[in-house]
């Protein structure tokens, strides 16, 4: 008697990747990396006040070559003028990341930028730093000794 093949649960990354990938494709992104690696692409200063929303592609007429798209960015209101002045740099960095001239223009939408919820930094414990400082050898530079004590306390904490 043959037993039916046992089906195992699929890894979550396989299911989520398909769902998220389809969502990104509908917004014009070929991959999620443009969104997930935005700070690496444009730098922390620009990424702090902007985020990519979607890429709009123009459909070419019959026989014409396709044109580069427009990257739509959500930008915090006060920073919009600065981002507009840096549009050429942003397009260049995105194109360099993608490896081809995919973006020719930026379109800005002023709205609050969603902040990623990173790991909250814990405040340094001055008592722990003082304990570590007491175990350090005699160091002439007080600033260096304080920095080493804070580093030692942070290492102990983690």
C-alpha atoms as a PDB file:
ATOM      1  CA  UNK A   1       0.000   0.000   0.000  1.00  0.00           C
ATOM      2  CA  UNK A   2       1.460   3.331  -1.073  1.00  0.00           C
ATOM      3  CA  UNK A   3       1.211   6.253   1.271  1.00  0.00           C
ATOM      4  CA  UNK A   4       0.440   9.638  -0.214  1.00  0.00           C
ATOM      5  CA  UNK A   5       3.389  11.980  -0.382  1.00  0.00           C
ATOM      6  CA  UNK A   6       3.597  13.981   2.799  1.00  0.00           C
ATOM      7  CA  UNK A   7       3.368  17.695   2.267  1.00  0.00           C
ATOM      8  CA  UNK A   8       5.637  19.785   4.401  1.00  0.00           C
ATOM      9  CA  UNK A   9       5.061  23.376   5.358  1.00  0.00           C
ATOM     10  CA  UNK A  10       6.680  25.854   3.022  1.00  0.00           C
ATOM     11  CA  UNK A  11       9.197  28.273   4.470  1.00  0.00           C
ATOM     12  CA  UNK A  12       7.692  31.671   5.199  1.00  0.00           C
ATOM     13  CA  UNK A  13      10.328  33.410   3.064  1.00  0.00           C
ATOM     14  CA  UNK A  14       9.047  31.589  -0.033  1.00  0.00           C
ATOM     15  CA  UNK A  15       5.440  32.629   0.541  1.00  0.00           C
ATOM     16  CA  UNK A  16       6.183  36.170   1.711  1.00  0.00           C
ATOM     17  CA  UNK A  17       8.681  36.738  -1.094  1.00  0.00           C
ATOM     18  CA  UNK A  18       6.056  35.986  -3.713  1.00  0.00           C
ATOM     19  CA  UNK A  19       3.434  38.217  -2.099  1.00  0.00           C
ATOM     20  CA  UNK A  20       5.771  41.125  -1.442  1.00  0.00           C
ATOM     21  CA  UNK A  21       7.432  40.749  -4.835  1.00  0.00           C
ATOM     22  CA  UNK A  22       4.075  40.983  -6.604  1.00  0.00           C
ATOM     23  CA  UNK A  23       3.185  44.093  -4.615  1.00  0.00           C
ATOM     24  CA  UNK A  24       6.456  45.744  -5.607  1.00  0.00           C
ATOM     25  CA  UNK A  25       5.981  44.785  -9.267  1.00  0.00           C
ATOM     26  CA  UNK A  26       2.564  46.462  -9.276  1.00  0.00           C
ATOM     27  CA  UNK A  27       4.272  49.642  -8.066  1.00  0.00           C
ATOM     28  CA  UNK A  28       6.795  49.458 -10.889  1.00  0.00           C
ATOM     29  CA  UNK A  29       9.754  48.098  -8.927  1.00  0.00           C
ATOM     30  CA  UNK A  30      11.550  45.167 -10.524  1.00  0.00           C
ATOM     31  CA  UNK A  31      12.838  44.145  -7.108  1.00  0.00           C
ATOM     32  CA  UNK A  32      12.350  45.173  -3.513  1.00  0.00           C
ATOM     33  CA  UNK A  33      15.986  46.212  -3.175  1.00  0.00           C
ATOM     34  CA  UNK A  34      15.378  49.790  -4.284  1.00  0.00           C
ATOM     35  CA  UNK A  35      13.062  50.231  -1.306  1.00  0.00           C
ATOM     36  CA  UNK A  36      14.888  48.110   1.241  1.00  0.00           C
ATOM     37  CA  UNK A  37      18.333  49.504   0.425  1.00  0.00           C
ATOM     38  CA  UNK A  38      17.257  53.123  -0.076  1.00  0.00           C
ATOM     39  CA  UNK A  39      19.642  54.507   2.587  1.00  0.00           C
ATOM     40  CA  UNK A  40      22.578  52.659   0.988  1.00  0.00           C
ATOM     41  CA  UNK A  41      21.684  53.976  -2.453  1.00  0.00           C
ATOM     42  CA  UNK A  42      21.107  57.673  -1.779  1.00  0.00           C
ATOM     43  CA  UNK A  43      22.825  58.133   1.569  1.00  0.00           C
ATOM     44  CA  UNK A  44      21.485  58.556   5.072  1.00  0.00           C
ATOM     45  CA  UNK A  45      20.778  62.276   4.837  1.00  0.00           C
ATOM     46  CA  UNK A  46      18.482  61.970   1.806  1.00  0.00           C
ATOM     47  CA  UNK A  47      16.937  58.694   3.003  1.00  0.00           C
ATOM     48  CA  UNK A  48      15.988  60.284   6.332  1.00  0.00           C
ATOM     49  CA  UNK A  49      13.533  62.635   4.594  1.00  0.00           C
ATOM     50  CA  UNK A  50      12.453  60.591   1.563  1.00  0.00           C
ATOM     51  CA  UNK A  51      11.333  57.146   0.464  1.00  0.00           C
ATOM     52  CA  UNK A  52      10.534  55.632  -2.938  1.00  0.00           C
ATOM     53  CA  UNK A  53       6.834  55.062  -3.583  1.00  0.00           C
ATOM     54  CA  UNK A  54       6.777  53.699  -7.121  1.00  0.00           C
ATOM     55  CA  UNK A  55       8.240  53.944 -10.592  1.00  0.00           C
ATOM     56  CA  UNK A  56       6.031  55.076 -13.447  1.00  0.00           C
ATOM     57  CA  UNK A  57       6.913  53.726 -16.865  1.00  0.00           C
ATOM     58  CA  UNK A  58       5.668  55.275 -20.096  1.00  0.00           C
ATOM     59  CA  UNK A  59       4.396  52.786 -22.638  1.00  0.00           C
ATOM     60  CA  UNK A  60       6.269  53.242 -25.882  1.00  0.00           C
ATOM     61  CA  UNK A  61       4.345  53.618 -29.112  1.00  0.00           C
ATOM     62  CA  UNK A  62       4.667  50.829 -31.645  1.00  0.00           C
ATOM     63  CA  UNK A  63       8.217  50.627 -32.949  1.00  0.00           C
ATOM     64  CA  UNK A  64       9.642  53.130 -30.445  1.00  0.00           C
ATOM     65  CA  UNK A  65      12.228  52.396 -27.817  1.00  0.00           C
ATOM     66  CA  UNK A  66      11.080  52.567 -24.193  1.00  0.00           C
ATOM     67  CA  UNK A  67      12.004  55.673 -22.225  1.00  0.00           C
ATOM     68  CA  UNK A  68      13.391  55.789 -18.698  1.00  0.00           C
ATOM     69  CA  UNK A  69      10.777  55.996 -15.970  1.00  0.00           C
ATOM     70  CA  UNK A  70       9.850  58.508 -13.295  1.00  0.00           C
ATOM     71  CA  UNK A  71      10.659  57.674  -9.689  1.00  0.00           C
ATOM     72  CA  UNK A  72       7.967  58.929  -7.340  1.00  0.00           C
ATOM     73  CA  UNK A  73       9.317  59.841  -3.917  1.00  0.00           C
ATOM     74  CA  UNK A  74       7.449  60.574  -0.712  1.00  0.00           C
ATOM     75  CA  UNK A  75       9.258  63.528   0.822  1.00  0.00           C
ATOM     76  CA  UNK A  76       8.736  65.405   4.052  1.00  0.00           C
ATOM     77  CA  UNK A  77       7.443  68.893   3.304  1.00  0.00           C
ATOM     78  CA  UNK A  78      10.359  71.071   4.436  1.00  0.00           C
ATOM     79  CA  UNK A  79      12.906  68.877   2.648  1.00  0.00           C
ATOM     80  CA  UNK A  80      11.133  68.802  -0.716  1.00  0.00           C
ATOM     81  CA  UNK A  81      12.990  71.795  -2.166  1.00  0.00           C
ATOM     82  CA  UNK A  82      16.350  70.302  -1.153  1.00  0.00           C
ATOM     83  CA  UNK A  83      15.448  66.931  -2.700  1.00  0.00           C
ATOM     84  CA  UNK A  84      14.342  68.702  -5.877  1.00  0.00           C
ATOM     85  CA  UNK A  85      17.744  70.381  -6.111  1.00  0.00           C
ATOM     86  CA  UNK A  86      19.432  66.989  -5.700  1.00  0.00           C
ATOM     87  CA  UNK A  87      17.209  65.224  -8.256  1.00  0.00           C
ATOM     88  CA  UNK A  88      20.052  64.713 -10.723  1.00  0.00           C
ATOM     89  CA  UNK A  89      22.274  63.132  -8.081  1.00  0.00           C
ATOM     90  CA  UNK A  90      19.463  60.876  -6.850  1.00  0.00           C
ATOM     91  CA  UNK A  91      18.627  59.702 -10.389  1.00  0.00           C
ATOM     92  CA  UNK A  92      22.298  59.025 -11.054  1.00  0.00           C
ATOM     93  CA  UNK A  93      22.703  56.987  -7.852  1.00  0.00           C
ATOM     94  CA  UNK A  94      19.545  54.957  -8.512  1.00  0.00           C
ATOM     95  CA  UNK A  95      20.612  54.253 -12.105  1.00  0.00           C
ATOM     96  CA  UNK A  96      24.074  53.253 -10.925  1.00  0.00           C
ATOM     97  CA  UNK A  97      22.527  50.879  -8.379  1.00  0.00           C
ATOM     98  CA  UNK A  98      20.195  49.342 -10.960  1.00  0.00           C
ATOM     99  CA  UNK A  99      22.955  49.107 -13.561  1.00  0.00           C
ATOM    100  CA  UNK A 100      21.109  50.872 -16.389  1.00  0.00           C
ATOM    101  CA  UNK A 101      19.407  54.189 -17.118  1.00  0.00           C
ATOM    102  CA  UNK A 102      16.049  53.290 -15.597  1.00  0.00           C
ATOM    103  CA  UNK A 103      15.149  56.672 -14.070  1.00  0.00           C
ATOM    104  CA  UNK A 104      15.180  60.014 -15.860  1.00  0.00           C
ATOM    105  CA  UNK A 105      12.998  62.135 -13.562  1.00  0.00           C
ATOM    106  CA  UNK A 106      11.743  62.438 -10.009  1.00  0.00           C
ATOM    107  CA  UNK A 107       8.219  63.305  -8.970  1.00  0.00           C
ATOM    108  CA  UNK A 108       7.804  64.401  -5.368  1.00  0.00           C
ATOM    109  CA  UNK A 109       4.795  63.788  -3.149  1.00  0.00           C
ATOM    110  CA  UNK A 110       4.883  65.747   0.088  1.00  0.00           C
ATOM    111  CA  UNK A 111       3.808  63.527   2.965  1.00  0.00           C
ATOM    112  CA  UNK A 112       5.310  62.240   6.209  1.00  0.00           C
ATOM    113  CA  UNK A 113       7.945  59.583   5.639  1.00  0.00           C
ATOM    114  CA  UNK A 114       7.330  56.276   7.375  1.00  0.00           C
ATOM    115  CA  UNK A 115      10.150  55.650   9.778  1.00  0.00           C
ATOM    116  CA  UNK A 116      11.601  52.178  10.029  1.00  0.00           C
ATOM    117  CA  UNK A 117      11.380  50.842  13.522  1.00  0.00           C
ATOM    118  CA  UNK A 118      14.955  49.999  14.246  1.00  0.00           C
ATOM    119  CA  UNK A 119      16.334  48.631  17.444  1.00  0.00           C
ATOM    120  CA  UNK A 120      15.976  51.266  20.149  1.00  0.00           C
ATOM    121  CA  UNK A 121      19.291  52.326  21.631  1.00  0.00           C
ATOM    122  CA  UNK A 122      19.642  51.706  25.310  1.00  0.00           C
ATOM    123  CA  UNK A 123      21.082  54.506  27.380  1.00  0.00           C
ATOM    124  CA  UNK A 124      24.603  53.975  28.618  1.00  0.00           C
ATOM    125  CA  UNK A 125      24.850  53.068  32.298  1.00  0.00           C
ATOM    126  CA  UNK A 126      27.374  55.420  33.965  1.00  0.00           C
ATOM    127  CA  UNK A 127      27.819  52.945  36.838  1.00  0.00           C
ATOM    128  CA  UNK A 128      28.845  50.141  34.483  1.00  0.00           C
ATOM    129  CA  UNK A 129      31.251  52.451  32.673  1.00  0.00           C
ATOM    130  CA  UNK A 130      32.813  53.448  36.011  1.00  0.00           C
ATOM    131  CA  UNK A 131      33.270  49.769  36.938  1.00  0.00           C
ATOM    132  CA  UNK A 132      35.036  49.079  33.657  1.00  0.00           C
ATOM    133  CA  UNK A 133      37.151  52.240  34.029  1.00  0.00           C
ATOM    134  CA  UNK A 134      38.399  50.981  37.388  1.00  0.00           C
ATOM    135  CA  UNK A 135      39.740  47.812  35.758  1.00  0.00           C
ATOM    136  CA  UNK A 136      41.573  49.624  32.955  1.00  0.00           C
ATOM    137  CA  UNK A 137      45.318  50.182  33.213  1.00  0.00           C
ATOM    138  CA  UNK A 138      46.615  53.697  33.773  1.00  0.00           C
ATOM    139  CA  UNK A 139      45.894  55.630  30.565  1.00  0.00           C
ATOM    140  CA  UNK A 140      47.154  59.205  30.312  1.00  0.00           C
ATOM    141  CA  UNK A 141      44.445  60.462  27.971  1.00  0.00           C
ATOM    142  CA  UNK A 142      41.236  60.875  30.005  1.00  0.00           C
ATOM    143  CA  UNK A 143      38.976  61.026  26.916  1.00  0.00           C
ATOM    144  CA  UNK A 144      40.444  57.770  25.606  1.00  0.00           C
ATOM    145  CA  UNK A 145      39.976  56.079  28.992  1.00  0.00           C
ATOM    146  CA  UNK A 146      36.320  57.255  29.160  1.00  0.00           C
ATOM    147  CA  UNK A 147      35.648  56.015  25.617  1.00  0.00           C
ATOM    148  CA  UNK A 148      37.187  52.621  26.397  1.00  0.00           C
ATOM    149  CA  UNK A 149      35.118  52.378  29.589  1.00  0.00           C
ATOM    150  CA  UNK A 150      31.894  53.131  27.673  1.00  0.00           C
ATOM    151  CA  UNK A 151      32.850  50.571  25.024  1.00  0.00           C
ATOM    152  CA  UNK A 152      33.551  47.937  27.665  1.00  0.00           C
ATOM    153  CA  UNK A 153      30.203  48.643  29.366  1.00  0.00           C
ATOM    154  CA  UNK A 154      28.378  48.358  26.038  1.00  0.00           C
ATOM    155  CA  UNK A 155      30.075  45.035  25.298  1.00  0.00           C
ATOM    156  CA  UNK A 156      29.153  43.695  28.733  1.00  0.00           C
ATOM    157  CA  UNK A 157      25.548  44.811  28.226  1.00  0.00           C
ATOM    158  CA  UNK A 158      25.134  42.935  24.935  1.00  0.00           C
END
